[in-house]
């Protein structure tokens, strides 16, 4: 499932432009940034809760 999601993200020009800015800011490639996000999304989703929910 992660591979399909990665391909979908990387096929979107606007998404890639935004994520590349973030990847560059932390010193990784776009692909590394997407891989790490998807790993957290699927394996450690509790780390994303503050971003997703309104407190």
PDB file of N, CA and C in Angstrom:
ATOM      1  N   UNK A   1       0.823  -1.197   0.000  1.00  0.00           N
ATOM      2  CA  UNK A   1       0.000   0.000   0.000  1.00  0.00           C
ATOM      3  C   UNK A   1       0.867   1.261   0.000  1.00  0.00           C
ATOM      4  N   UNK A   2       1.967   1.255   0.754  1.00  0.00           N
ATOM      5  CA  UNK A   2       2.814   2.438   0.806  1.00  0.00           C
ATOM      6  C   UNK A   2       3.351   2.814  -0.566  1.00  0.00           C
ATOM      7  N   UNK A   3       3.711   1.811  -1.370  1.00  0.00           N
ATOM      8  CA  UNK A   3       4.285   2.102  -2.681  1.00  0.00           C
ATOM      9  C   UNK A   3       3.279   2.845  -3.548  1.00  0.00           C
ATOM     10  N   UNK A   4       2.032   2.411  -3.553  1.00  0.00           N
ATOM     11  CA  UNK A   4       1.009   3.086  -4.342  1.00  0.00           C
ATOM     12  C   UNK A   4       0.791   4.511  -3.856  1.00  0.00           C
ATOM     13  N   UNK A   5       0.791   4.704  -2.530  1.00  0.00           N
ATOM     14  CA  UNK A   5       0.616   6.045  -1.985  1.00  0.00           C
ATOM     15  C   UNK A   5       1.793   6.937  -2.359  1.00  0.00           C
ATOM     16  N   UNK A   6       2.990   6.392  -2.289  1.00  0.00           N
ATOM     17  CA  UNK A   6       4.174   7.166  -2.660  1.00  0.00           C
ATOM     18  C   UNK A   6       4.105   7.577  -4.127  1.00  0.00           C
ATOM     19  N   UNK A   7       3.738   6.651  -4.991  1.00  0.00           N
ATOM     20  CA  UNK A   7       3.622   6.959  -6.412  1.00  0.00           C
ATOM     21  C   UNK A   7       2.559   8.032  -6.650  1.00  0.00           C
ATOM     22  N   UNK A   8       1.455   7.938  -5.940  1.00  0.00           N
ATOM     23  CA  UNK A   8       0.394   8.933  -6.075  1.00  0.00           C
ATOM     24  C   UNK A   8       0.876  10.313  -5.637  1.00  0.00           C
ATOM     25  N   UNK A   9       1.543  10.382  -4.510  1.00  0.00           N
ATOM     26  CA  UNK A   9       2.064  11.662  -4.022  1.00  0.00           C
ATOM     27  C   UNK A   9       3.072  12.236  -5.006  1.00  0.00           C
ATOM     28  N   UNK A  10       4.007  11.402  -5.460  1.00  0.00           N
ATOM     29  CA  UNK A  10       5.064  11.891  -6.350  1.00  0.00           C
ATOM     30  C   UNK A  10       4.564  12.219  -7.755  1.00  0.00           C
ATOM     31  N   UNK A  11       3.367  11.803  -8.093  1.00  0.00           N
ATOM     32  CA  UNK A  11       2.824  12.124  -9.417  1.00  0.00           C
ATOM     33  C   UNK A  11       2.089  13.472  -9.426  1.00  0.00           C
ATOM     34  N   UNK A  12       1.895  14.060  -8.252  1.00  0.00           N
ATOM     35  CA  UNK A  12       1.183  15.330  -8.150  1.00  0.00           C
ATOM     36  C   UNK A  12       2.189  16.483  -8.109  1.00  0.00           C
ATOM     37  N   UNK A  13       2.179  17.305  -9.134  1.00  0.00           N
ATOM     38  CA  UNK A  13       3.158  18.383  -9.278  1.00  0.00           C
ATOM     39  C   UNK A  13       3.085  19.383  -8.132  1.00  0.00           C
ATOM     40  N   UNK A  14       1.902  19.782  -7.763  1.00  0.00           N
ATOM     41  CA  UNK A  14       1.749  20.776  -6.692  1.00  0.00           C
ATOM     42  C   UNK A  14       2.179  20.186  -5.352  1.00  0.00           C
ATOM     43  N   UNK A  15       1.759  18.953  -5.073  1.00  0.00           N
ATOM     44  CA  UNK A  15       2.142  18.292  -3.829  1.00  0.00           C
ATOM     45  C   UNK A  15       3.660  18.180  -3.740  1.00  0.00           C
ATOM     46  N   UNK A  16       4.297  17.808  -4.836  1.00  0.00           N
ATOM     47  CA  UNK A  16       5.753  17.668  -4.842  1.00  0.00           C
ATOM     48  C   UNK A  16       6.450  19.009  -4.592  1.00  0.00           C
ATOM     49  N   UNK A  17       5.919  20.059  -5.160  1.00  0.00           N
ATOM     50  CA  UNK A  17       6.526  21.382  -4.967  1.00  0.00           C
ATOM     51  C   UNK A  17       6.486  21.786  -3.492  1.00  0.00           C
ATOM     52  N   UNK A  18       5.361  21.565  -2.852  1.00  0.00           N
ATOM     53  CA  UNK A  18       5.216  21.907  -1.431  1.00  0.00           C
ATOM     54  C   UNK A  18       6.105  21.021  -0.575  1.00  0.00           C
ATOM     55  N   UNK A  19       6.052  19.717  -0.807  1.00  0.00           N
ATOM     56  CA  UNK A  19       6.832  18.793   0.007  1.00  0.00           C
ATOM     57  C   UNK A  19       8.331  18.953  -0.211  1.00  0.00           C
ATOM     58  N   UNK A  20       8.741  19.342  -1.415  1.00  0.00           N
ATOM     59  CA  UNK A  20      10.166  19.552  -1.676  1.00  0.00           C
ATOM     60  C   UNK A  20      10.705  20.701  -0.837  1.00  0.00           C
ATOM     61  N   UNK A  21       9.908  21.741  -0.655  1.00  0.00           N
ATOM     62  CA  UNK A  21      10.330  22.843   0.205  1.00  0.00           C
ATOM     63  C   UNK A  21      10.593  22.354   1.626  1.00  0.00           C
ATOM     64  N   UNK A  22       9.693  21.530   2.126  1.00  0.00           N
ATOM     65  CA  UNK A  22       9.848  20.976   3.475  1.00  0.00           C
ATOM     66  C   UNK A  22      11.042  20.022   3.550  1.00  0.00           C
ATOM     67  N   UNK A  23      11.190  19.187   2.537  1.00  0.00           N
ATOM     68  CA  UNK A  23      12.315  18.246   2.506  1.00  0.00           C
ATOM     69  C   UNK A  23      13.641  18.999   2.494  1.00  0.00           C
ATOM     70  N   UNK A  24      13.729  20.025   1.666  1.00  0.00           N
ATOM     71  CA  UNK A  24      14.954  20.827   1.597  1.00  0.00           C
ATOM     72  C   UNK A  24      15.244  21.491   2.942  1.00  0.00           C
ATOM     73  N   UNK A  25      14.199  21.931   3.627  1.00  0.00           N
ATOM     74  CA  UNK A  25      14.369  22.606   4.914  1.00  0.00           C
ATOM     75  C   UNK A  25      14.967  21.691   5.974  1.00  0.00           C
ATOM     76  N   UNK A  26      14.682  20.398   5.887  1.00  0.00           N
ATOM     77  CA  UNK A  26      15.234  19.465   6.873  1.00  0.00           C
ATOM     78  C   UNK A  26      16.427  18.679   6.329  1.00  0.00           C
ATOM     79  N   UNK A  27      16.820  18.950   5.082  1.00  0.00           N
ATOM     80  CA  UNK A  27      18.032  18.368   4.526  1.00  0.00           C
ATOM     81  C   UNK A  27      17.919  16.949   4.024  1.00  0.00           C
ATOM     82  N   UNK A  28      16.760  16.581   3.488  1.00  0.00           N
ATOM     83  CA  UNK A  28      16.582  15.252   2.903  1.00  0.00           C
ATOM     84  C   UNK A  28      16.006  15.400   1.502  1.00  0.00           C
ATOM     85  N   UNK A  29      16.032  14.308   0.751  1.00  0.00           N
ATOM     86  CA  UNK A  29      15.435  14.348  -0.583  1.00  0.00           C
ATOM     87  C   UNK A  29      13.909  14.280  -0.457  1.00  0.00           C
ATOM     88  N   UNK A  30      13.251  14.630  -1.512  1.00  0.00           N
ATOM     89  CA  UNK A  30      11.790  14.541  -1.543  1.00  0.00           C
ATOM     90  C   UNK A  30      11.335  13.112  -1.288  1.00  0.00           C
ATOM     91  N   UNK A  31      11.998  12.158  -1.920  1.00  0.00           N
ATOM     92  CA  UNK A  31      11.636  10.756  -1.752  1.00  0.00           C
ATOM     93  C   UNK A  31      11.809  10.296  -0.302  1.00  0.00           C
ATOM     94  N   UNK A  32      12.906  10.720   0.329  1.00  0.00           N
ATOM     95  CA  UNK A  32      13.134  10.369   1.736  1.00  0.00           C
ATOM     96  C   UNK A  32      12.050  10.980   2.627  1.00  0.00           C
ATOM     97  N   UNK A  33      11.680  12.198   2.333  1.00  0.00           N
ATOM     98  CA  UNK A  33      10.654  12.890   3.119  1.00  0.00           C
ATOM     99  C   UNK A  33       9.315  12.159   3.003  1.00  0.00           C
ATOM    100  N   UNK A  34       8.946  11.786   1.792  1.00  0.00           N
ATOM    101  CA  UNK A  34       7.687  11.075   1.569  1.00  0.00           C
ATOM    102  C   UNK A  34       7.738   9.699   2.232  1.00  0.00           C
ATOM    103  N   UNK A  35       8.852   8.999   2.092  1.00  0.00           N
ATOM    104  CA  UNK A  35       9.004   7.688   2.739  1.00  0.00           C
ATOM    105  C   UNK A  35       8.818   7.795   4.246  1.00  0.00           C
ATOM    106  N   UNK A  36       9.445   8.784   4.857  1.00  0.00           N
ATOM    107  CA  UNK A  36       9.349   8.947   6.314  1.00  0.00           C
ATOM    108  C   UNK A  36       7.925   9.309   6.725  1.00  0.00           C
ATOM    109  N   UNK A  37       7.295  10.214   5.980  1.00  0.00           N
ATOM    110  CA  UNK A  37       5.914  10.575   6.307  1.00  0.00           C
ATOM    111  C   UNK A  37       5.007   9.348   6.245  1.00  0.00           C
ATOM    112  N   UNK A  38       5.123   8.573   5.183  1.00  0.00           N
ATOM    113  CA  UNK A  38       4.264   7.397   5.044  1.00  0.00           C
ATOM    114  C   UNK A  38       4.558   6.357   6.125  1.00  0.00           C
ATOM    115  N   UNK A  39       5.816   6.220   6.506  1.00  0.00           N
ATOM    116  CA  UNK A  39       6.155   5.282   7.582  1.00  0.00           C
ATOM    117  C   UNK A  39       5.486   5.715   8.889  1.00  0.00           C
ATOM    118  N   UNK A  40       5.544   6.998   9.187  1.00  0.00           N
ATOM    119  CA  UNK A  40       4.884   7.499  10.404  1.00  0.00           C
ATOM    120  C   UNK A  40       3.377   7.366  10.265  1.00  0.00           C
ATOM    121  N   UNK A  41       2.841   7.699   9.109  1.00  0.00           N
ATOM    122  CA  UNK A  41       1.398   7.631   8.879  1.00  0.00           C
ATOM    123  C   UNK A  41       0.862   6.219   9.127  1.00  0.00           C
ATOM    124  N   UNK A  42       1.582   5.221   8.643  1.00  0.00           N
ATOM    125  CA  UNK A  42       1.110   3.840   8.768  1.00  0.00           C
ATOM    126  C   UNK A  42       1.509   3.156  10.069  1.00  0.00           C
ATOM    127  N   UNK A  43       2.659   3.520  10.642  1.00  0.00           N
ATOM    128  CA  UNK A  43       3.173   2.780  11.788  1.00  0.00           C
ATOM    129  C   UNK A  43       3.140   3.536  13.114  1.00  0.00           C
ATOM    130  N   UNK A  44       3.051   4.855  13.057  1.00  0.00           N
ATOM    131  CA  UNK A  44       3.075   5.663  14.271  1.00  0.00           C
ATOM    132  C   UNK A  44       2.069   6.807  14.164  1.00  0.00           C
ATOM    133  N   UNK A  45       0.874   6.498  13.703  1.00  0.00           N
ATOM    134  CA  UNK A  45      -0.108   7.540  13.404  1.00  0.00           C
ATOM    135  C   UNK A  45      -0.458   8.415  14.607  1.00  0.00           C
ATOM    136  N   UNK A  46      -0.228   7.922  15.822  1.00  0.00           N
ATOM    137  CA  UNK A  46      -0.502   8.734  17.000  1.00  0.00           C
ATOM    138  C   UNK A  46       0.351  10.002  17.021  1.00  0.00           C
ATOM    139  N   UNK A  47       1.513   9.987  16.357  1.00  0.00           N
ATOM    140  CA  UNK A  47       2.356  11.186  16.276  1.00  0.00           C
ATOM    141  C   UNK A  47       1.707  12.273  15.422  1.00  0.00           C
ATOM    142  N   UNK A  48       0.790  11.908  14.560  1.00  0.00           N
ATOM    143  CA  UNK A  48       0.151  12.867  13.668  1.00  0.00           C
ATOM    144  C   UNK A  48      -1.139  13.456  14.248  1.00  0.00           C
ATOM    145  N   UNK A  49      -1.641  12.885  15.318  1.00  0.00           N
ATOM    146  CA  UNK A  49      -2.914  13.341  15.894  1.00  0.00           C
ATOM    147  C   UNK A  49      -2.958  14.842  16.166  1.00  0.00           C
ATOM    148  N   UNK A  50      -1.901  15.455  16.727  1.00  0.00           N
ATOM    149  CA  UNK A  50      -1.972  16.902  16.974  1.00  0.00           C
ATOM    150  C   UNK A  50      -2.155  17.718  15.687  1.00  0.00           C
ATOM    151  N   UNK A  51      -1.689  17.185  14.591  1.00  0.00           N
ATOM    152  CA  UNK A  51      -1.821  17.885  13.305  1.00  0.00           C
ATOM    153  C   UNK A  51      -3.240  17.715  12.753  1.00  0.00           C
ATOM    154  N   UNK A  52      -3.806  16.538  12.957  1.00  0.00           N
ATOM    155  CA  UNK A  52      -5.077  16.196  12.357  1.00  0.00           C
ATOM    156  C   UNK A  52      -6.273  16.719  13.150  1.00  0.00           C
ATOM    157  N   UNK A  53      -6.189  16.669  14.462  1.00  0.00           N
ATOM    158  CA  UNK A  53      -7.328  17.043  15.287  1.00  0.00           C
ATOM    159  C   UNK A  53      -7.184  18.467  15.820  1.00  0.00           C
ATOM    160  N   UNK A  54      -8.309  19.081  16.070  1.00  0.00           N
ATOM    161  CA  UNK A  54      -8.329  20.408  16.683  1.00  0.00           C
ATOM    162  C   UNK A  54      -8.429  20.220  18.188  1.00  0.00           C
ATOM    163  N   UNK A  55      -7.605  20.890  18.904  1.00  0.00           N
ATOM    164  CA  UNK A  55      -7.590  20.769  20.360  1.00  0.00           C
ATOM    165  C   UNK A  55      -8.381  21.898  20.989  1.00  0.00           C
TER     166      UNK A  55
END
